[in-house]
Amino acid sequence: VGLTRAKPGDISSFLSTVPGLLKVFEAYVACLIFSLLDSYNGIAG
């Protein structure tokens, strides 16, 4: 990841930039959240 990360000013590959890598992180963390969800029905919050 460190070797392929885009250098400052290089936007040829979006997913190799910091925002692109963060997109992968955000999706993965959401999957971990789904794996831990159990009871939430009946509570609007």
PDB file of all heavy atoms in Angstrom:
ATOM      1  N   VAL A   1       0.841  -1.206   0.000  1.00  0.00           N
ATOM      2  CA  VAL A   1       0.000   0.000   0.000  1.00  0.00           C
ATOM      3  C   VAL A   1       0.871   1.248   0.000  1.00  0.00           C
ATOM      4  O   VAL A   1       0.619   2.210  -0.739  1.00  0.00           O
ATOM      5  CB  VAL A   1      -0.941   0.002   1.219  1.00  0.00           C
ATOM      6  CG1 VAL A   1      -1.673   1.338   1.335  1.00  0.00           C
ATOM      7  CG2 VAL A   1      -1.952  -1.135   1.115  1.00  0.00           C
ATOM      8  N   GLY A   2       1.928   1.242   0.815  1.00  0.00           N
ATOM      9  CA  GLY A   2       2.812   2.397   0.859  1.00  0.00           C
ATOM     10  C   GLY A   2       3.568   2.625  -0.436  1.00  0.00           C
ATOM     11  O   GLY A   2       3.770   3.771  -0.846  1.00  0.00           O
ATOM     12  N   LEU A   3       3.949   1.529  -1.107  1.00  0.00           N
ATOM     13  CA  LEU A   3       4.709   1.660  -2.355  1.00  0.00           C
ATOM     14  C   LEU A   3       3.836   2.113  -3.520  1.00  0.00           C
ATOM     15  O   LEU A   3       4.315   2.790  -4.437  1.00  0.00           O
ATOM     16  CB  LEU A   3       5.375   0.331  -2.697  1.00  0.00           C
ATOM     17  CG  LEU A   3       6.508  -0.125  -1.771  1.00  0.00           C
ATOM     18  CD1 LEU A   3       6.946  -1.544  -2.128  1.00  0.00           C
ATOM     19  CD2 LEU A   3       7.691   0.833  -1.858  1.00  0.00           C
ATOM     20  N   THR A   4       2.573   1.722  -3.514  1.00  0.00           N
ATOM     21  CA  THR A   4       1.689   2.053  -4.638  1.00  0.00           C
ATOM     22  C   THR A   4       0.848   3.293  -4.392  1.00  0.00           C
ATOM     23  O   THR A   4       0.113   3.709  -5.290  1.00  0.00           O
ATOM     24  CB  THR A   4       0.744   0.877  -4.941  1.00  0.00           C
ATOM     25  OG1 THR A   4      -0.022   0.560  -3.760  1.00  0.00           O
ATOM     26  CG2 THR A   4       1.528  -0.347  -5.373  1.00  0.00           C
ATOM     27  N   ARG A   5       0.929   3.875  -3.197  1.00  0.00           N
ATOM     28  CA  ARG A   5       0.126   5.063  -2.913  1.00  0.00           C
ATOM     29  C   ARG A   5       0.576   6.210  -3.799  1.00  0.00           C
ATOM     30  O   ARG A   5       1.763   6.420  -4.016  1.00  0.00           O
ATOM     31  CB  ARG A   5       0.253   5.461  -1.441  1.00  0.00           C
ATOM     32  CG  ARG A   5      -0.684   6.584  -1.034  1.00  0.00           C
ATOM     33  CD  ARG A   5      -0.604   6.825   0.456  1.00  0.00           C
ATOM     34  NE  ARG A   5       0.677   7.388   0.845  1.00  0.00           N
ATOM     35  CZ  ARG A   5       0.968   8.681   0.823  1.00  0.00           C
ATOM     36  NH1 ARG A   5       0.055   9.555   0.390  1.00  0.00           N
ATOM     37  NH2 ARG A   5       2.144   9.117   1.214  1.00  0.00           N
ATOM     38  N   ALA A   6      -0.398   6.944  -4.308  1.00  0.00           N
ATOM     39  CA  ALA A   6      -0.102   8.053  -5.215  1.00  0.00           C
ATOM     40  C   ALA A   6       0.677   9.137  -4.500  1.00  0.00           C
ATOM     41  O   ALA A   6       0.402   9.472  -3.337  1.00  0.00           O
ATOM     42  CB  ALA A   6      -1.405   8.629  -5.783  1.00  0.00           C
ATOM     43  N   LYS A   7       1.664   9.682  -5.180  1.00  0.00           N
ATOM     44  CA  LYS A   7       2.446  10.786  -4.630  1.00  0.00           C
ATOM     45  C   LYS A   7       1.644  12.087  -4.730  1.00  0.00           C
ATOM     46  O   LYS A   7       0.690  12.177  -5.499  1.00  0.00           O
ATOM     47  CB  LYS A   7       3.773  10.921  -5.396  1.00  0.00           C
ATOM     48  CG  LYS A   7       4.593   9.648  -5.414  1.00  0.00           C
ATOM     49  CD  LYS A   7       4.933   9.190  -4.019  1.00  0.00           C
ATOM     50  CE  LYS A   7       5.855   7.982  -4.036  1.00  0.00           C
ATOM     51  NZ  LYS A   7       5.196   6.783  -4.585  1.00  0.00           N
ATOM     52  N   PRO A   8       1.991  13.102  -3.927  1.00  0.00           N
ATOM     53  CA  PRO A   8       1.269  14.393  -4.011  1.00  0.00           C
ATOM     54  C   PRO A   8       1.287  14.947  -5.428  1.00  0.00           C
ATOM     55  O   PRO A   8       2.329  15.050  -6.061  1.00  0.00           O
ATOM     56  CB  PRO A   8       2.065  15.288  -3.048  1.00  0.00           C
ATOM     57  CG  PRO A   8       2.674  14.333  -2.068  1.00  0.00           C
ATOM     58  CD  PRO A   8       3.003  13.096  -2.862  1.00  0.00           C
ATOM     59  N   GLY A   9       0.102  15.287  -5.926  1.00  0.00           N
ATOM     60  CA  GLY A   9      -0.022  15.809  -7.287  1.00  0.00           C
ATOM     61  C   GLY A   9      -0.334  14.750  -8.328  1.00  0.00           C
ATOM     62  O   GLY A   9      -0.712  15.072  -9.446  1.00  0.00           O
ATOM     63  N   ASP A  10      -0.195  13.462  -7.974  1.00  0.00           N
ATOM     64  CA  ASP A  10      -0.466  12.377  -8.915  1.00  0.00           C
ATOM     65  C   ASP A  10      -1.891  11.892  -8.697  1.00  0.00           C
ATOM     66  O   ASP A  10      -2.207  11.315  -7.656  1.00  0.00           O
ATOM     67  CB  ASP A  10       0.522  11.228  -8.700  1.00  0.00           C
ATOM     68  CG  ASP A  10       0.271  10.067  -9.662  1.00  0.00           C
ATOM     69  OD1 ASP A  10      -0.489  10.255 -10.627  1.00  0.00           O
ATOM     70  OD2 ASP A  10       0.845   8.984  -9.444  1.00  0.00           O
ATOM     71  N   ILE A  11      -2.780  12.109  -9.661  1.00  0.00           N
ATOM     72  CA  ILE A  11      -4.185  11.712  -9.526  1.00  0.00           C
ATOM     73  C   ILE A  11      -4.572  10.764 -10.666  1.00  0.00           C
ATOM     74  O   ILE A  11      -5.720  10.680 -11.061  1.00  0.00           O
ATOM     75  CB  ILE A  11      -5.121  12.938  -9.522  1.00  0.00           C
ATOM     76  CG1 ILE A  11      -4.900  13.794 -10.776  1.00  0.00           C
ATOM     77  CG2 ILE A  11      -4.910  13.773  -8.269  1.00  0.00           C
ATOM     78  CD1 ILE A  11      -5.880  14.934 -10.920  1.00  0.00           C
ATOM     79  N   SER A  12      -3.580  10.038 -11.196  1.00  0.00           N
ATOM     80  CA  SER A  12      -3.874   9.128 -12.295  1.00  0.00           C
ATOM     81  C   SER A  12      -4.712   7.947 -11.830  1.00  0.00           C
ATOM     82  O   SER A  12      -5.457   7.358 -12.607  1.00  0.00           O
ATOM     83  CB  SER A  12      -2.566   8.633 -12.918  1.00  0.00           C
ATOM     84  OG  SER A  12      -1.767   7.973 -11.939  1.00  0.00           O
ATOM     85  N   SER A  13      -4.602   7.589 -10.554  1.00  0.00           N
ATOM     86  CA  SER A  13      -5.355   6.469 -10.007  1.00  0.00           C
ATOM     87  C   SER A  13      -6.009   6.924  -8.708  1.00  0.00           C
ATOM     88  O   SER A  13      -5.324   7.124  -7.702  1.00  0.00           O
ATOM     89  CB  SER A  13      -4.419   5.272  -9.764  1.00  0.00           C
ATOM     90  OG  SER A  13      -5.100   4.238  -9.102  1.00  0.00           O
ATOM     91  N   PHE A  14      -7.331   7.084  -8.720  1.00  0.00           N
ATOM     92  CA  PHE A  14      -8.022   7.655  -7.564  1.00  0.00           C
ATOM     93  C   PHE A  14      -7.896   6.780  -6.323  1.00  0.00           C
ATOM     94  O   PHE A  14      -7.660   7.281  -5.218  1.00  0.00           O
ATOM     95  CB  PHE A  14      -9.500   7.872  -7.897  1.00  0.00           C
ATOM     96  CG  PHE A  14     -10.340   8.242  -6.702  1.00  0.00           C
ATOM     97  CD1 PHE A  14     -10.197   9.485  -6.114  1.00  0.00           C
ATOM     98  CD2 PHE A  14     -11.251   7.352  -6.175  1.00  0.00           C
ATOM     99  CE1 PHE A  14     -10.955   9.834  -4.992  1.00  0.00           C
ATOM    100  CE2 PHE A  14     -12.012   7.692  -5.070  1.00  0.00           C
ATOM    101  CZ  PHE A  14     -11.865   8.928  -4.478  1.00  0.00           C
ATOM    102  N   LEU A  15      -8.036   5.455  -6.470  1.00  0.00           N
ATOM    103  CA  LEU A  15      -8.020   4.571  -5.320  1.00  0.00           C
ATOM    104  C   LEU A  15      -6.635   4.415  -4.708  1.00  0.00           C
ATOM    105  O   LEU A  15      -6.501   3.798  -3.652  1.00  0.00           O
ATOM    106  CB  LEU A  15      -8.591   3.202  -5.690  1.00  0.00           C
ATOM    107  CG  LEU A  15     -10.086   3.181  -6.008  1.00  0.00           C
ATOM    108  CD1 LEU A  15     -10.559   1.778  -6.335  1.00  0.00           C
ATOM    109  CD2 LEU A  15     -10.901   3.750  -4.847  1.00  0.00           C
ATOM    110  N   SER A  16      -5.605   4.935  -5.348  1.00  0.00           N
ATOM    111  CA  SER A  16      -4.279   4.923  -4.742  1.00  0.00           C
ATOM    112  C   SER A  16      -3.996   6.204  -3.972  1.00  0.00           C
ATOM    113  O   SER A  16      -2.965   6.301  -3.301  1.00  0.00           O
ATOM    114  CB  SER A  16      -3.204   4.728  -5.815  1.00  0.00           C
ATOM    115  OG  SER A  16      -3.198   5.812  -6.722  1.00  0.00           O
ATOM    116  N   THR A  17      -4.890   7.197  -4.055  1.00  0.00           N
ATOM    117  CA  THR A  17      -4.755   8.414  -3.265  1.00  0.00           C
ATOM    118  C   THR A  17      -5.287   8.160  -1.856  1.00  0.00           C
ATOM    119  O   THR A  17      -5.932   7.145  -1.582  1.00  0.00           O
ATOM    120  CB  THR A  17      -5.515   9.572  -3.907  1.00  0.00           C
ATOM    121  OG1 THR A  17      -6.922   9.246  -3.951  1.00  0.00           O
ATOM    122  CG2 THR A  17      -5.018   9.833  -5.323  1.00  0.00           C
ATOM    123  N   VAL A  18      -5.028   9.100  -0.958  1.00  0.00           N
ATOM    124  CA  VAL A  18      -5.508   8.947   0.419  1.00  0.00           C
ATOM    125  C   VAL A  18      -7.035   8.861   0.476  1.00  0.00           C
ATOM    126  O   VAL A  18      -7.584   7.976   1.148  1.00  0.00           O
ATOM    127  CB  VAL A  18      -4.982  10.101   1.301  1.00  0.00           C
ATOM    128  CG1 VAL A  18      -5.623  10.062   2.684  1.00  0.00           C
ATOM    129  CG2 VAL A  18      -3.468  10.030   1.416  1.00  0.00           C
ATOM    130  N   PRO A  19      -7.801   9.734  -0.218  1.00  0.00           N
ATOM    131  CA  PRO A  19      -9.262   9.566  -0.208  1.00  0.00           C
ATOM    132  C   PRO A  19      -9.714   8.222  -0.772  1.00  0.00           C
ATOM    133  O   PRO A  19     -10.679   7.632  -0.273  1.00  0.00           O
ATOM    134  CB  PRO A  19      -9.758  10.730  -1.072  1.00  0.00           C
ATOM    135  CG  PRO A  19      -8.690  11.752  -0.981  1.00  0.00           C
ATOM    136  CD  PRO A  19      -7.408  10.978  -0.915  1.00  0.00           C
ATOM    137  N   GLY A  20      -9.029   7.730  -1.813  1.00  0.00           N
ATOM    138  CA  GLY A  20      -9.408   6.436  -2.381  1.00  0.00           C
ATOM    139  C   GLY A  20      -9.156   5.291  -1.410  1.00  0.00           C
ATOM    140  O   GLY A  20      -9.993   4.392  -1.257  1.00  0.00           O
ATOM    141  N   LEU A  21      -8.006   5.290  -0.751  1.00  0.00           N
ATOM    142  CA  LEU A  21      -7.704   4.257   0.245  1.00  0.00           C
ATOM    143  C   LEU A  21      -8.668   4.335   1.423  1.00  0.00           C
ATOM    144  O   LEU A  21      -9.073   3.299   1.984  1.00  0.00           O
ATOM    145  CB  LEU A  21      -6.263   4.397   0.726  1.00  0.00           C
ATOM    146  CG  LEU A  21      -5.168   4.150  -0.321  1.00  0.00           C
ATOM    147  CD1 LEU A  21      -3.797   4.461   0.248  1.00  0.00           C
ATOM    148  CD2 LEU A  21      -5.210   2.713  -0.835  1.00  0.00           C
ATOM    149  N   LEU A  22      -9.051   5.556   1.788  1.00  0.00           N
ATOM    150  CA  LEU A  22     -10.014   5.713   2.874  1.00  0.00           C
ATOM    151  C   LEU A  22     -11.378   5.157   2.484  1.00  0.00           C
ATOM    152  O   LEU A  22     -12.114   4.667   3.348  1.00  0.00           O
ATOM    153  CB  LEU A  22     -10.132   7.184   3.261  1.00  0.00           C
ATOM    154  CG  LEU A  22      -8.972   7.756   4.079  1.00  0.00           C
ATOM    155  CD1 LEU A  22      -9.118   9.262   4.234  1.00  0.00           C
ATOM    156  CD2 LEU A  22      -8.889   7.091   5.446  1.00  0.00           C
ATOM    157  N   LYS A  23     -11.731   5.235   1.203  1.00  0.00           N
ATOM    158  CA  LYS A  23     -12.995   4.643   0.756  1.00  0.00           C
ATOM    159  C   LYS A  23     -13.010   3.143   1.027  1.00  0.00           C
ATOM    160  O   LYS A  23     -14.023   2.580   1.473  1.00  0.00           O
ATOM    161  CB  LYS A  23     -13.206   4.909  -0.732  1.00  0.00           C
ATOM    162  CG  LYS A  23     -13.552   6.353  -1.071  1.00  0.00           C
ATOM    163  CD  LYS A  23     -14.968   6.676  -0.663  1.00  0.00           C
ATOM    164  CE  LYS A  23     -15.353   8.101  -1.046  1.00  0.00           C
ATOM    165  NZ  LYS A  23     -14.656   9.119  -0.263  1.00  0.00           N
ATOM    166  N   VAL A  24     -11.902   2.464   0.754  1.00  0.00           N
ATOM    167  CA  VAL A  24     -11.811   1.024   1.026  1.00  0.00           C
ATOM    168  C   VAL A  24     -11.917   0.773   2.527  1.00  0.00           C
ATOM    169  O   VAL A  24     -12.610  -0.156   2.975  1.00  0.00           O
ATOM    170  CB  VAL A  24     -10.502   0.457   0.465  1.00  0.00           C
ATOM    171  CG1 VAL A  24     -10.406  -1.041   0.732  1.00  0.00           C
ATOM    172  CG2 VAL A  24     -10.398   0.724  -1.034  1.00  0.00           C
ATOM    173  N   PHE A  25     -11.233   1.591   3.324  1.00  0.00           N
ATOM    174  CA  PHE A  25     -11.286   1.451   4.780  1.00  0.00           C
ATOM    175  C   PHE A  25     -12.710   1.636   5.291  1.00  0.00           C
ATOM    176  O   PHE A  25     -13.187   0.857   6.135  1.00  0.00           O
ATOM    177  CB  PHE A  25     -10.346   2.468   5.422  1.00  0.00           C
ATOM    178  CG  PHE A  25     -10.369   2.463   6.922  1.00  0.00           C
ATOM    179  CD1 PHE A  25      -9.594   1.573   7.637  1.00  0.00           C
ATOM    180  CD2 PHE A  25     -11.169   3.359   7.622  1.00  0.00           C
ATOM    181  CE1 PHE A  25      -9.617   1.561   9.032  1.00  0.00           C
ATOM    182  CE2 PHE A  25     -11.199   3.356   9.006  1.00  0.00           C
ATOM    183  CZ  PHE A  25     -10.418   2.458   9.712  1.00  0.00           C
ATOM    184  N   GLU A  26     -13.405   2.643   4.794  1.00  0.00           N
ATOM    185  CA  GLU A  26     -14.765   2.928   5.258  1.00  0.00           C
ATOM    186  C   GLU A  26     -15.712   1.777   4.919  1.00  0.00           C
ATOM    187  O   GLU A  26     -16.549   1.394   5.751  1.00  0.00           O
ATOM    188  CB  GLU A  26     -15.250   4.225   4.617  1.00  0.00           C
ATOM    189  CG  GLU A  26     -14.522   5.468   5.086  1.00  0.00           C
ATOM    190  CD  GLU A  26     -14.531   6.606   4.090  1.00  0.00           C
ATOM    191  OE1 GLU A  26     -15.185   6.461   3.038  1.00  0.00           O
ATOM    192  OE2 GLU A  26     -13.881   7.641   4.349  1.00  0.00           O
ATOM    193  N   ALA A  27     -15.583   1.227   3.722  1.00  0.00           N
ATOM    194  CA  ALA A  27     -16.450   0.109   3.338  1.00  0.00           C
ATOM    195  C   ALA A  27     -16.156  -1.126   4.179  1.00  0.00           C
ATOM    196  O   ALA A  27     -17.077  -1.845   4.597  1.00  0.00           O
ATOM    197  CB  ALA A  27     -16.260  -0.203   1.849  1.00  0.00           C
ATOM    198  N   TYR A  28     -14.884  -1.372   4.467  1.00  0.00           N
ATOM    199  CA  TYR A  28     -14.523  -2.552   5.253  1.00  0.00           C
ATOM    200  C   TYR A  28     -15.014  -2.430   6.692  1.00  0.00           C
ATOM    201  O   TYR A  28     -15.556  -3.388   7.258  1.00  0.00           O
ATOM    202  CB  TYR A  28     -13.008  -2.751   5.225  1.00  0.00           C
ATOM    203  CG  TYR A  28     -12.550  -3.961   6.006  1.00  0.00           C
ATOM    204  CD1 TYR A  28     -12.744  -5.242   5.498  1.00  0.00           C
ATOM    205  CD2 TYR A  28     -11.934  -3.824   7.243  1.00  0.00           C
ATOM    206  CE1 TYR A  28     -12.338  -6.356   6.211  1.00  0.00           C
ATOM    207  CE2 TYR A  28     -11.520  -4.940   7.953  1.00  0.00           C
ATOM    208  CZ  TYR A  28     -11.728  -6.197   7.433  1.00  0.00           C
ATOM    209  OH  TYR A  28     -11.327  -7.303   8.148  1.00  0.00           O
ATOM    210  N   VAL A  29     -14.846  -1.260   7.285  1.00  0.00           N
ATOM    211  CA  VAL A  29     -15.323  -1.055   8.656  1.00  0.00           C
ATOM    212  C   VAL A  29     -16.836  -1.204   8.726  1.00  0.00           C
ATOM    213  O   VAL A  29     -17.376  -1.762   9.687  1.00  0.00           O
ATOM    214  CB  VAL A  29     -14.872   0.325   9.175  1.00  0.00           C
ATOM    215  CG1 VAL A  29     -15.533   0.645  10.509  1.00  0.00           C
ATOM    216  CG2 VAL A  29     -13.364   0.369   9.331  1.00  0.00           C
ATOM    217  N   ALA A  30     -17.542  -0.739   7.696  1.00  0.00           N
ATOM    218  CA  ALA A  30     -18.994  -0.917   7.661  1.00  0.00           C
ATOM    219  C   ALA A  30     -19.361  -2.398   7.632  1.00  0.00           C
ATOM    220  O   ALA A  30     -20.324  -2.818   8.289  1.00  0.00           O
ATOM    221  CB  ALA A  30     -19.581  -0.200   6.445  1.00  0.00           C
ATOM    222  N   CYS A  31     -18.595  -3.204   6.898  1.00  0.00           N
ATOM    223  CA  CYS A  31     -18.845  -4.653   6.884  1.00  0.00           C
ATOM    224  C   CYS A  31     -18.640  -5.260   8.268  1.00  0.00           C
ATOM    225  O   CYS A  31     -19.403  -6.149   8.693  1.00  0.00           O
ATOM    226  CB  CYS A  31     -17.929  -5.331   5.868  1.00  0.00           C
ATOM    227  SG  CYS A  31     -18.298  -4.967   4.145  1.00  0.00           S
ATOM    228  N   LEU A  32     -17.614  -4.812   8.986  1.00  0.00           N
ATOM    229  CA  LEU A  32     -17.407  -5.293  10.356  1.00  0.00           C
ATOM    230  C   LEU A  32     -18.570  -4.894  11.258  1.00  0.00           C
ATOM    231  O   LEU A  32     -18.996  -5.675  12.117  1.00  0.00           O
ATOM    232  CB  LEU A  32     -16.094  -4.732  10.917  1.00  0.00           C
ATOM    233  CG  LEU A  32     -14.797  -5.191  10.249  1.00  0.00           C
ATOM    234  CD1 LEU A  32     -13.591  -4.555  10.939  1.00  0.00           C
ATOM    235  CD2 LEU A  32     -14.665  -6.709  10.288  1.00  0.00           C
ATOM    236  N   ILE A  33     -19.094  -3.689  11.049  1.00  0.00           N
ATOM    237  CA  ILE A  33     -20.248  -3.258  11.841  1.00  0.00           C
ATOM    238  C   ILE A  33     -21.443  -4.163  11.573  1.00  0.00           C
ATOM    239  O   ILE A  33     -22.141  -4.591  12.505  1.00  0.00           O
ATOM    240  CB  ILE A  33     -20.586  -1.784  11.528  1.00  0.00           C
ATOM    241  CG1 ILE A  33     -19.492  -0.856  12.057  1.00  0.00           C
ATOM    242  CG2 ILE A  33     -21.939  -1.400  12.128  1.00  0.00           C
ATOM    243  CD1 ILE A  33     -19.695   0.601  11.695  1.00  0.00           C
ATOM    244  N   PHE A  34     -21.691  -4.483  10.305  1.00  0.00           N
ATOM    245  CA  PHE A  34     -22.822  -5.359   9.970  1.00  0.00           C
ATOM    246  C   PHE A  34     -22.680  -6.723  10.632  1.00  0.00           C
ATOM    247  O   PHE A  34     -23.676  -7.336  11.025  1.00  0.00           O
ATOM    248  CB  PHE A  34     -22.924  -5.528   8.450  1.00  0.00           C
ATOM    249  CG  PHE A  34     -23.278  -4.260   7.726  1.00  0.00           C
ATOM    250  CD1 PHE A  34     -22.744  -3.998   6.465  1.00  0.00           C
ATOM    251  CD2 PHE A  34     -24.140  -3.340   8.274  1.00  0.00           C
ATOM    252  CE1 PHE A  34     -23.062  -2.833   5.789  1.00  0.00           C
ATOM    253  CE2 PHE A  34     -24.468  -2.167   7.610  1.00  0.00           C
ATOM    254  CZ  PHE A  34     -23.925  -1.914   6.362  1.00  0.00           C
ATOM    255  N   SER A  35     -21.446  -7.225  10.739  1.00  0.00           N
ATOM    256  CA  SER A  35     -21.236  -8.545  11.341  1.00  0.00           C
ATOM    257  C   SER A  35     -21.536  -8.550  12.839  1.00  0.00           C
ATOM    258  O   SER A  35     -21.740  -9.628  13.420  1.00  0.00           O
ATOM    259  CB  SER A  35     -19.798  -9.007  11.105  1.00  0.00           C
ATOM    260  OG  SER A  35     -18.875  -8.208  11.831  1.00  0.00           O
ATOM    261  N   LEU A  36     -21.560  -7.378  13.476  1.00  0.00           N
ATOM    262  CA  LEU A  36     -21.805  -7.298  14.922  1.00  0.00           C
ATOM    263  C   LEU A  36     -23.237  -6.880  15.264  1.00  0.00           C
ATOM    264  O   LEU A  36     -23.614  -6.930  16.434  1.00  0.00           O
ATOM    265  CB  LEU A  36     -20.831  -6.301  15.560  1.00  0.00           C
ATOM    266  CG  LEU A  36     -19.349  -6.674  15.508  1.00  0.00           C
ATOM    267  CD1 LEU A  36     -18.498  -5.551  16.102  1.00  0.00           C
ATOM    268  CD2 LEU A  36     -19.077  -7.973  16.251  1.00  0.00           C
ATOM    269  N   LEU A  37     -24.014  -6.464  14.282  1.00  0.00           N
ATOM    270  CA  LEU A  37     -25.381  -6.034  14.557  1.00  0.00           C
ATOM    271  C   LEU A  37     -26.242  -7.234  14.921  1.00  0.00           C
ATOM    272  O   LEU A  37     -26.177  -8.279  14.284  1.00  0.00           O
ATOM    273  CB  LEU A  37     -25.973  -5.317  13.339  1.00  0.00           C
ATOM    274  CG  LEU A  37     -25.350  -3.976  12.955  1.00  0.00           C
ATOM    275  CD1 LEU A  37     -25.986  -3.446  11.674  1.00  0.00           C
ATOM    276  CD2 LEU A  37     -25.505  -2.962  14.074  1.00  0.00           C
ATOM    277  N   ASP A  38     -27.073  -7.077  15.951  1.00  0.00           N
ATOM    278  CA  ASP A  38     -27.981  -8.170  16.312  1.00  0.00           C
ATOM    279  C   ASP A  38     -29.403  -7.653  16.547  1.00  0.00           C
ATOM    280  O   ASP A  38     -30.293  -7.887  15.745  1.00  0.00           O
ATOM    281  CB  ASP A  38     -27.456  -8.935  17.536  1.00  0.00           C
ATOM    282  CG  ASP A  38     -27.081  -8.013  18.688  1.00  0.00           C
ATOM    283  OD1 ASP A  38     -27.354  -6.811  18.589  1.00  0.00           O
ATOM    284  OD2 ASP A  38     -26.540  -8.503  19.686  1.00  0.00           O
ATOM    285  N   SER A  39     -29.631  -6.915  17.619  1.00  0.00           N
ATOM    286  CA  SER A  39     -30.992  -6.484  17.961  1.00  0.00           C
ATOM    287  C   SER A  39     -31.095  -4.966  17.890  1.00  0.00           C
ATOM    288  O   SER A  39     -30.422  -4.251  18.637  1.00  0.00           O
ATOM    289  CB  SER A  39     -31.360  -6.961  19.382  1.00  0.00           C
ATOM    290  OG  SER A  39     -30.439  -6.466  20.319  1.00  0.00           O
ATOM    291  N   TYR A  40     -31.928  -4.498  16.977  1.00  0.00           N
ATOM    292  CA  TYR A  40     -32.169  -3.065  16.853  1.00  0.00           C
ATOM    293  C   TYR A  40     -33.596  -2.772  16.400  1.00  0.00           C
ATOM    294  O   TYR A  40     -33.957  -1.613  16.204  1.00  0.00           O
ATOM    295  CB  TYR A  40     -31.189  -2.442  15.862  1.00  0.00           C
ATOM    296  CG  TYR A  40     -31.168  -3.106  14.498  1.00  0.00           C
ATOM    297  CD1 TYR A  40     -32.075  -2.736  13.510  1.00  0.00           C
ATOM    298  CD2 TYR A  40     -30.266  -4.119  14.208  1.00  0.00           C
ATOM    299  CE1 TYR A  40     -32.076  -3.342  12.277  1.00  0.00           C
ATOM    300  CE2 TYR A  40     -30.255  -4.729  12.969  1.00  0.00           C
ATOM    301  CZ  TYR A  40     -31.157  -4.340  12.006  1.00  0.00           C
ATOM    302  OH  TYR A  40     -31.152  -4.969  10.783  1.00  0.00           O
ATOM    303  N   ASN A  41     -34.405  -3.802  16.234  1.00  0.00           N
ATOM    304  CA  ASN A  41     -35.788  -3.599  15.777  1.00  0.00           C
ATOM    305  C   ASN A  41     -36.624  -2.961  16.886  1.00  0.00           C
ATOM    306  O   ASN A  41     -36.462  -3.258  18.072  1.00  0.00           O
ATOM    307  CB  ASN A  41     -36.417  -4.940  15.374  1.00  0.00           C
ATOM    308  CG  ASN A  41     -35.758  -5.519  14.133  1.00  0.00           C
ATOM    309  OD1 ASN A  41     -35.326  -4.775  13.262  1.00  0.00           O
ATOM    310  ND2 ASN A  41     -35.670  -6.832  14.054  1.00  0.00           N
ATOM    311  N   GLY A  42     -37.535  -2.105  16.473  1.00  0.00           N
ATOM    312  CA  GLY A  42     -38.454  -1.480  17.420  1.00  0.00           C
ATOM    313  C   GLY A  42     -37.933  -0.226  18.067  1.00  0.00           C
ATOM    314  O   GLY A  42     -38.667   0.436  18.803  1.00  0.00           O
ATOM    315  N   ILE A  43     -36.681   0.133  17.822  1.00  0.00           N
ATOM    316  CA  ILE A  43     -36.106   1.341  18.403  1.00  0.00           C
ATOM    317  C   ILE A  43     -35.704   2.258  17.250  1.00  0.00           C
ATOM    318  O   ILE A  43     -34.800   1.937  16.473  1.00  0.00           O
ATOM    319  CB  ILE A  43     -34.895   1.025  19.287  1.00  0.00           C
ATOM    320  CG1 ILE A  43     -35.285   0.021  20.383  1.00  0.00           C
ATOM    321  CG2 ILE A  43     -34.332   2.292  19.909  1.00  0.00           C
ATOM    322  CD1 ILE A  43     -34.129  -0.402  21.265  1.00  0.00           C
ATOM    323  N   ALA A  44     -36.387   3.387  17.133  1.00  0.00           N
ATOM    324  CA  ALA A  44     -36.180   4.265  15.977  1.00  0.00           C
ATOM    325  C   ALA A  44     -34.744   4.781  15.906  1.00  0.00           C
ATOM    326  O   ALA A  44     -34.166   4.878  14.818  1.00  0.00           O
ATOM    327  CB  ALA A  44     -37.161   5.436  16.046  1.00  0.00           C
ATOM    328  N   GLY A  45     -34.153   5.115  17.042  1.00  0.00           N
ATOM    329  CA  GLY A  45     -32.786   5.626  17.042  1.00  0.00           C
ATOM    330  C   GLY A  45     -31.784   4.622  16.503  1.00  0.00           C
ATOM    331  O   GLY A  45     -30.894   4.974  15.716  1.00  0.00           O
TER     332      GLY A  45
END
